Amino acid sequence: MKVSVDIKISGLGVILTIIFAVLKLTRVIDWGWFYCFLPLIISAGLALLLFLIAAIVMFWPRK
């Protein structure tokens, strides 16, 4: 059995991060940097979670 997993960071998370960073640098918003990078952190966390689920399913002992 061949299993293929293709995980990409969500484009929406990257776009939102860029928008928030530009708004922060131009002083339009007064958020902390953590909140500006939160969409990217969430996207990376979801990708990691999907990878872990795929790894568990792949290596789960079968009868």
PDB file of N, CA and C in Angstrom:
ATOM      1  N   MET A   1       0.848  -1.168   0.000  1.00  0.00           N
ATOM      2  CA  MET A   1       0.000   0.000   0.000  1.00  0.00           C
ATOM      3  C   MET A   1       0.897   1.235   0.000  1.00  0.00           C
ATOM      4  N   LYS A   2       0.597   2.146  -0.903  1.00  0.00           N
ATOM      5  CA  LYS A   2       1.369   3.384  -1.004  1.00  0.00           C
ATOM      6  C   LYS A   2       0.550   4.526  -0.426  1.00  0.00           C
ATOM      7  N   VAL A   3       1.157   5.286   0.509  1.00  0.00           N
ATOM      8  CA  VAL A   3       0.489   6.409   1.144  1.00  0.00           C
ATOM      9  C   VAL A   3       1.262   7.671   0.798  1.00  0.00           C
ATOM     10  N   SER A   4       0.556   8.667   0.297  1.00  0.00           N
ATOM     11  CA  SER A   4       1.177   9.937  -0.054  1.00  0.00           C
ATOM     12  C   SER A   4       0.492  11.055   0.719  1.00  0.00           C
ATOM     13  N   VAL A   5       1.290  11.890   1.368  1.00  0.00           N
ATOM     14  CA  VAL A   5       0.748  13.013   2.133  1.00  0.00           C
ATOM     15  C   VAL A   5       1.416  14.283   1.622  1.00  0.00           C
ATOM     16  N   ASP A   6       0.598  15.250   1.244  1.00  0.00           N
ATOM     17  CA  ASP A   6       1.097  16.531   0.757  1.00  0.00           C
ATOM     18  C   ASP A   6       0.570  17.620   1.677  1.00  0.00           C
ATOM     19  N   ILE A   7       1.455  18.187   2.505  1.00  0.00           N
ATOM     20  CA  ILE A   7       1.061  19.211   3.463  1.00  0.00           C
ATOM     21  C   ILE A   7       1.670  20.541   3.027  1.00  0.00           C
ATOM     22  N   LYS A   8       0.813  21.537   2.860  1.00  0.00           N
ATOM     23  CA  LYS A   8       1.274  22.880   2.507  1.00  0.00           C
ATOM     24  C   LYS A   8       0.740  23.850   3.541  1.00  0.00           C
ATOM     25  N   ILE A   9       1.526  24.872   3.841  1.00  0.00           N
ATOM     26  CA  ILE A   9       1.047  25.908   4.749  1.00  0.00           C
ATOM     27  C   ILE A   9      -0.047  26.684   4.039  1.00  0.00           C
ATOM     28  N   SER A  10      -1.103  26.932   4.738  1.00  0.00           N
ATOM     29  CA  SER A  10      -2.271  27.597   4.157  1.00  0.00           C
ATOM     30  C   SER A  10      -1.879  28.963   3.590  1.00  0.00           C
ATOM     31  N   GLY A  11      -2.320  29.213   2.376  1.00  0.00           N
ATOM     32  CA  GLY A  11      -2.043  30.501   1.744  1.00  0.00           C
ATOM     33  C   GLY A  11      -2.703  31.647   2.486  1.00  0.00           C
ATOM     34  N   LEU A  12      -3.884  31.387   3.041  1.00  0.00           N
ATOM     35  CA  LEU A  12      -4.596  32.427   3.782  1.00  0.00           C
ATOM     36  C   LEU A  12      -3.797  32.865   5.006  1.00  0.00           C
ATOM     37  N   GLY A  13      -3.187  31.927   5.708  1.00  0.00           N
ATOM     38  CA  GLY A  13      -2.379  32.276   6.875  1.00  0.00           C
ATOM     39  C   GLY A  13      -1.179  33.133   6.523  1.00  0.00           C
ATOM     40  N   VAL A  14      -0.534  32.810   5.417  1.00  0.00           N
ATOM     41  CA  VAL A  14       0.630  33.586   4.969  1.00  0.00           C
ATOM     42  C   VAL A  14       0.199  34.992   4.555  1.00  0.00           C
ATOM     43  N   ILE A  15      -0.899  35.070   3.809  1.00  0.00           N
ATOM     44  CA  ILE A  15      -1.380  36.377   3.357  1.00  0.00           C
ATOM     45  C   ILE A  15      -1.774  37.252   4.543  1.00  0.00           C
ATOM     46  N   LEU A  16      -2.506  36.679   5.509  1.00  0.00           N
ATOM     47  CA  LEU A  16      -2.889  37.451   6.689  1.00  0.00           C
ATOM     48  C   LEU A  16      -1.676  37.904   7.489  1.00  0.00           C
ATOM     49  N   THR A  17      -0.673  37.046   7.606  1.00  0.00           N
ATOM     50  CA  THR A  17       0.540  37.409   8.342  1.00  0.00           C
ATOM     51  C   THR A  17       1.242  38.585   7.668  1.00  0.00           C
ATOM     52  N   ILE A  18       1.342  38.549   6.356  1.00  0.00           N
ATOM     53  CA  ILE A  18       1.986  39.648   5.633  1.00  0.00           C
ATOM     54  C   ILE A  18       1.193  40.943   5.817  1.00  0.00           C
ATOM     55  N   ILE A  19      -0.126  40.843   5.702  1.00  0.00           N
ATOM     56  CA  ILE A  19      -0.964  42.039   5.875  1.00  0.00           C
ATOM     57  C   ILE A  19      -0.809  42.601   7.280  1.00  0.00           C
ATOM     58  N   PHE A  20      -0.881  41.751   8.294  1.00  0.00           N
ATOM     59  CA  PHE A  20      -0.752  42.217   9.674  1.00  0.00           C
ATOM     60  C   PHE A  20       0.630  42.804   9.944  1.00  0.00           C
ATOM     61  N   ALA A  21       1.684  42.213   9.387  1.00  0.00           N
ATOM     62  CA  ALA A  21       3.038  42.733   9.598  1.00  0.00           C
ATOM     63  C   ALA A  21       3.194  44.111   8.956  1.00  0.00           C
ATOM     64  N   VAL A  22       2.650  44.274   7.751  1.00  0.00           N
ATOM     65  CA  VAL A  22       2.729  45.585   7.075  1.00  0.00           C
ATOM     66  C   VAL A  22       1.941  46.624   7.863  1.00  0.00           C
ATOM     67  N   LEU A  23       0.747  46.255   8.330  1.00  0.00           N
ATOM     68  CA  LEU A  23      -0.041  47.195   9.135  1.00  0.00           C
ATOM     69  C   LEU A  23       0.663  47.556  10.437  1.00  0.00           C
ATOM     70  N   LYS A  24       1.362  46.588  11.040  1.00  0.00           N
ATOM     71  CA  LYS A  24       2.103  46.856  12.284  1.00  0.00           C
ATOM     72  C   LYS A  24       3.274  47.797  11.998  1.00  0.00           C
ATOM     73  N   LEU A  25       4.006  47.541  10.907  1.00  0.00           N
ATOM     74  CA  LEU A  25       5.164  48.370  10.581  1.00  0.00           C
ATOM     75  C   LEU A  25       4.772  49.793  10.180  1.00  0.00           C
ATOM     76  N   THR A  26       3.594  49.945   9.611  1.00  0.00           N
ATOM     77  CA  THR A  26       3.125  51.287   9.250  1.00  0.00           C
ATOM     78  C   THR A  26       2.339  51.938  10.386  1.00  0.00           C
ATOM     79  N   ARG A  27       2.300  51.288  11.515  1.00  0.00           N
ATOM     80  CA  ARG A  27       1.658  51.782  12.741  1.00  0.00           C
ATOM     81  C   ARG A  27       0.149  52.016  12.587  1.00  0.00           C
ATOM     82  N   VAL A  28      -0.487  51.233  11.726  1.00  0.00           N
ATOM     83  CA  VAL A  28      -1.939  51.302  11.589  1.00  0.00           C
ATOM     84  C   VAL A  28      -2.594  50.535  12.732  1.00  0.00           C
ATOM     85  N   ILE A  29      -1.986  49.411  13.106  1.00  0.00           N
ATOM     86  CA  ILE A  29      -2.480  48.635  14.240  1.00  0.00           C
ATOM     87  C   ILE A  29      -1.428  48.649  15.339  1.00  0.00           C
ATOM     88  N   ASP A  30      -1.886  48.502  16.557  1.00  0.00           N
ATOM     89  CA  ASP A  30      -0.971  48.545  17.704  1.00  0.00           C
ATOM     90  C   ASP A  30      -0.972  47.210  18.435  1.00  0.00           C
ATOM     91  N   TRP A  31      -0.890  46.113  17.663  1.00  0.00           N
ATOM     92  CA  TRP A  31      -0.878  44.782  18.242  1.00  0.00           C
ATOM     93  C   TRP A  31       0.558  44.382  18.549  1.00  0.00           C
ATOM     94  N   GLY A  32       0.699  43.362  19.382  1.00  0.00           N
ATOM     95  CA  GLY A  32       2.007  42.776  19.590  1.00  0.00           C
ATOM     96  C   GLY A  32       2.386  41.915  18.392  1.00  0.00           C
ATOM     97  N   TRP A  33       3.680  41.618  18.286  1.00  0.00           N
ATOM     98  CA  TRP A  33       4.142  40.817  17.154  1.00  0.00           C
ATOM     99  C   TRP A  33       3.571  39.409  17.185  1.00  0.00           C
ATOM    100  N   PHE A  34       3.297  38.900  18.385  1.00  0.00           N
ATOM    101  CA  PHE A  34       2.709  37.558  18.489  1.00  0.00           C
ATOM    102  C   PHE A  34       1.386  37.491  17.737  1.00  0.00           C
ATOM    103  N   TYR A  35       0.544  38.502  17.914  1.00  0.00           N
ATOM    104  CA  TYR A  35      -0.758  38.514  17.245  1.00  0.00           C
ATOM    105  C   TYR A  35      -0.614  38.708  15.738  1.00  0.00           C
ATOM    106  N   CYS A  36       0.412  39.420  15.321  1.00  0.00           N
ATOM    107  CA  CYS A  36       0.640  39.595  13.883  1.00  0.00           C
ATOM    108  C   CYS A  36       1.027  38.281  13.214  1.00  0.00           C
ATOM    109  N   PHE A  37       1.788  37.457  13.918  1.00  0.00           N
ATOM    110  CA  PHE A  37       2.239  36.189  13.357  1.00  0.00           C
ATOM    111  C   PHE A  37       1.334  35.014  13.729  1.00  0.00           C
ATOM    112  N   LEU A  38       0.249  35.271  14.431  1.00  0.00           N
ATOM    113  CA  LEU A  38      -0.651  34.207  14.866  1.00  0.00           C
ATOM    114  C   LEU A  38      -1.255  33.404  13.705  1.00  0.00           C
ATOM    115  N   PRO A  39      -1.664  34.015  12.583  1.00  0.00           N
ATOM    116  CA  PRO A  39      -2.177  33.183  11.485  1.00  0.00           C
ATOM    117  C   PRO A  39      -1.149  32.178  10.964  1.00  0.00           C
ATOM    118  N   LEU A  40       0.106  32.586  10.909  1.00  0.00           N
ATOM    119  CA  LEU A  40       1.164  31.676  10.463  1.00  0.00           C
ATOM    120  C   LEU A  40       1.412  30.577  11.489  1.00  0.00           C
ATOM    121  N   ILE A  41       1.366  30.930  12.767  1.00  0.00           N
ATOM    122  CA  ILE A  41       1.554  29.948  13.832  1.00  0.00           C
ATOM    123  C   ILE A  41       0.425  28.925  13.809  1.00  0.00           C
ATOM    124  N   ILE A  42      -0.807  29.391  13.601  1.00  0.00           N
ATOM    125  CA  ILE A  42      -1.951  28.478  13.542  1.00  0.00           C
ATOM    126  C   ILE A  42      -1.824  27.553  12.330  1.00  0.00           C
ATOM    127  N   SER A  43      -1.434  28.098  11.184  1.00  0.00           N
ATOM    128  CA  SER A  43      -1.261  27.279   9.986  1.00  0.00           C
ATOM    129  C   SER A  43      -0.183  26.210  10.192  1.00  0.00           C
ATOM    130  N   ALA A  44       0.920  26.609  10.789  1.00  0.00           N
ATOM    131  CA  ALA A  44       1.995  25.645  11.049  1.00  0.00           C
ATOM    132  C   ALA A  44       1.547  24.590  12.062  1.00  0.00           C
ATOM    133  N   GLY A  45       0.787  25.002  13.057  1.00  0.00           N
ATOM    134  CA  GLY A  45       0.273  24.049  14.046  1.00  0.00           C
ATOM    135  C   GLY A  45      -0.685  23.045  13.432  1.00  0.00           C
ATOM    136  N   LEU A  46      -1.555  23.511  12.544  1.00  0.00           N
ATOM    137  CA  LEU A  46      -2.472  22.600  11.867  1.00  0.00           C
ATOM    138  C   LEU A  46      -1.731  21.628  10.955  1.00  0.00           C
ATOM    139  N   ALA A  47      -0.705  22.125  10.265  1.00  0.00           N
ATOM    140  CA  ALA A  47       0.098  21.251   9.409  1.00  0.00           C
ATOM    141  C   ALA A  47       0.810  20.188  10.249  1.00  0.00           C
ATOM    142  N   LEU A  48       1.334  20.584  11.396  1.00  0.00           N
ATOM    143  CA  LEU A  48       1.996  19.629  12.288  1.00  0.00           C
ATOM    144  C   LEU A  48       1.004  18.606  12.823  1.00  0.00           C
ATOM    145  N   LEU A  49      -0.186  19.057  13.174  1.00  0.00           N
ATOM    146  CA  LEU A  49      -1.214  18.152  13.674  1.00  0.00           C
ATOM    147  C   LEU A  49      -1.610  17.131  12.608  1.00  0.00           C
ATOM    148  N   LEU A  50      -1.791  17.591  11.364  1.00  0.00           N
ATOM    149  CA  LEU A  50      -2.116  16.669  10.278  1.00  0.00           C
ATOM    150  C   LEU A  50      -0.981  15.677  10.026  1.00  0.00           C
ATOM    151  N   PHE A  51       0.257  16.147  10.126  1.00  0.00           N
ATOM    152  CA  PHE A  51       1.404  15.265   9.958  1.00  0.00           C
ATOM    153  C   PHE A  51       1.432  14.193  11.052  1.00  0.00           C
ATOM    154  N   LEU A  52       1.167  14.593  12.291  1.00  0.00           N
ATOM    155  CA  LEU A  52       1.164  13.627  13.392  1.00  0.00           C
ATOM    156  C   LEU A  52       0.042  12.602  13.236  1.00  0.00           C
ATOM    157  N   ILE A  53      -1.133  13.059  12.803  1.00  0.00           N
ATOM    158  CA  ILE A  53      -2.239  12.127  12.585  1.00  0.00           C
ATOM    159  C   ILE A  53      -1.893  11.148  11.470  1.00  0.00           C
ATOM    160  N   ALA A  54      -1.303  11.635  10.394  1.00  0.00           N
ATOM    161  CA  ALA A  54      -0.902  10.761   9.290  1.00  0.00           C
ATOM    162  C   ALA A  54       0.153   9.759   9.740  1.00  0.00           C
ATOM    163  N   ALA A  55       1.104  10.200  10.568  1.00  0.00           N
ATOM    164  CA  ALA A  55       2.145   9.296  11.063  1.00  0.00           C
ATOM    165  C   ALA A  55       1.550   8.228  11.973  1.00  0.00           C
ATOM    166  N   ILE A  56       0.604   8.617  12.822  1.00  0.00           N
ATOM    167  CA  ILE A  56      -0.034   7.639  13.711  1.00  0.00           C
ATOM    168  C   ILE A  56      -0.812   6.609  12.900  1.00  0.00           C
ATOM    169  N   VAL A  57      -1.559   7.072  11.905  1.00  0.00           N
ATOM    170  CA  VAL A  57      -2.334   6.148  11.074  1.00  0.00           C
ATOM    171  C   VAL A  57      -1.407   5.219  10.289  1.00  0.00           C
ATOM    172  N   MET A  58      -0.303   5.758   9.787  1.00  0.00           N
ATOM    173  CA  MET A  58       0.627   4.944   9.000  1.00  0.00           C
ATOM    174  C   MET A  58       1.311   3.873   9.830  1.00  0.00           C
ATOM    175  N   PHE A  59       1.698   4.195  11.052  1.00  0.00           N
ATOM    176  CA  PHE A  59       2.486   3.263  11.855  1.00  0.00           C
ATOM    177  C   PHE A  59       1.668   2.540  12.912  1.00  0.00           C
ATOM    178  N   TRP A  60       0.346   2.696  12.900  1.00  0.00           N
ATOM    179  CA  TRP A  60      -0.500   1.998  13.854  1.00  0.00           C
ATOM    180  C   TRP A  60      -0.424   0.500  13.573  1.00  0.00           C
ATOM    181  N   PRO A  61      -0.215  -0.310  14.618  1.00  0.00           N
ATOM    182  CA  PRO A  61      -0.111  -1.766  14.374  1.00  0.00           C
ATOM    183  C   PRO A  61      -1.415  -2.327  13.820  1.00  0.00           C
ATOM    184  N   ARG A  62      -1.265  -3.132  12.774  1.00  0.00           N
ATOM    185  CA  ARG A  62      -2.431  -3.773  12.168  1.00  0.00           C
ATOM    186  C   ARG A  62      -2.453  -5.248  12.544  1.00  0.00           C
ATOM    187  N   LYS A  63      -3.660  -5.787  12.593  1.00  0.00           N
ATOM    188  CA  LYS A  63      -3.791  -7.201  12.951  1.00  0.00           C
ATOM    189  C   LYS A  63      -3.522  -8.084  11.774  1.00  0.00           C
TER     190      LYS A  63
END
